[in-house]
Amino acid sequence: MALSTDLQIAMQSRAVIEQAKGVLVASLRCTPDEAFAHLVRRSQHANRELREIATEIVERAARA
């Protein structure tokens, strides 16, 4: 049961990270690799999980 839950969370995290990369590609006019690097830098700078940063970016884009 725990493995199934872990896999589901991992897939959800991956999806939101990919969505955030798309938002950043459009807004920063950069490549997907550059967008991911941007996410990593923000995550490290804020000392927060990448998934959390990605979720905020996607939610902010959805409100705009």
Protein backbone atom coordinates (compact mmCIF):
# COMPACT_ATOMS: atom_id res chain seq x y z
CA MET A 1 0.00 0.00 0.00
CA ALA A 2 2.78 2.47 0.91
CA LEU A 3 4.57 1.86 -2.41
CA SER A 4 1.39 2.61 -4.33
CA THR A 5 0.91 5.86 -2.41
CA ASP A 6 4.56 6.82 -2.93
CA LEU A 7 4.27 6.21 -6.66
CA GLN A 8 1.10 8.27 -6.88
CA ILE A 9 2.75 11.18 -5.07
CA ALA A 10 5.80 10.91 -7.32
CA MET A 11 3.64 11.04 -10.45
CA GLN A 12 1.73 14.05 -9.15
CA SER A 13 4.99 15.80 -8.30
CA ARG A 14 6.38 15.11 -11.73
CA ALA A 15 3.24 16.45 -13.39
CA VAL A 16 3.27 19.73 -11.46
CA ILE A 17 7.00 20.18 -12.09
CA GLU A 18 6.44 19.71 -15.83
CA GLN A 19 3.57 22.21 -15.73
CA ALA A 20 5.74 24.73 -13.89
CA LYS A 21 8.50 24.24 -16.43
CA GLY A 22 5.99 25.04 -19.16
CA VAL A 23 4.90 28.21 -17.39
CA LEU A 24 8.52 29.28 -16.99
CA VAL A 25 9.40 28.47 -20.61
CA ALA A 26 6.58 30.75 -21.72
CA SER A 27 7.18 33.55 -19.24
CA LEU A 28 10.99 33.58 -19.24
CA ARG A 29 11.33 32.57 -22.90
CA CYS A 30 13.86 29.91 -22.03
CA THR A 31 14.45 26.23 -22.75
CA PRO A 32 12.90 23.48 -20.62
CA ASP A 33 16.34 22.70 -19.18
CA GLU A 34 16.82 26.35 -18.21
CA ALA A 35 13.35 26.39 -16.66
CA PHE A 36 14.19 23.33 -14.58
CA ALA A 37 17.47 24.91 -13.47
CA HIS A 38 15.49 28.00 -12.45
CA LEU A 39 13.15 25.82 -10.38
CA VAL A 40 16.11 24.12 -8.71
CA ARG A 41 17.75 27.45 -7.85
CA ARG A 42 14.52 28.81 -6.36
CA SER A 43 14.03 25.62 -4.38
CA GLN A 44 17.55 25.72 -2.98
CA HIS A 45 17.45 29.43 -2.26
CA ALA A 46 14.16 29.12 -0.36
CA ASN A 47 15.20 25.81 1.22
CA ARG A 48 11.90 24.29 0.11
CA GLU A 49 10.99 21.25 -1.93
CA LEU A 50 10.99 21.66 -5.68
CA ARG A 51 7.42 20.34 -5.77
CA GLU A 52 6.26 23.18 -3.49
CA ILE A 53 7.88 25.85 -5.66
CA ALA A 54 6.41 24.26 -8.79
CA THR A 55 2.93 24.14 -7.25
CA GLU A 56 3.08 27.84 -6.40
CA ILE A 57 4.14 28.74 -9.93
CA VAL A 58 1.32 26.70 -11.48
CA GLU A 59 -1.29 28.08 -9.09
CA ARG A 60 -0.15 31.65 -9.71
CA ALA A 61 -0.33 31.10 -13.48
CA ALA A 62 -3.83 29.65 -13.17
CA ARG A 63 -5.03 32.79 -11.35
CA ALA A 64 -3.54 35.14 -13.95
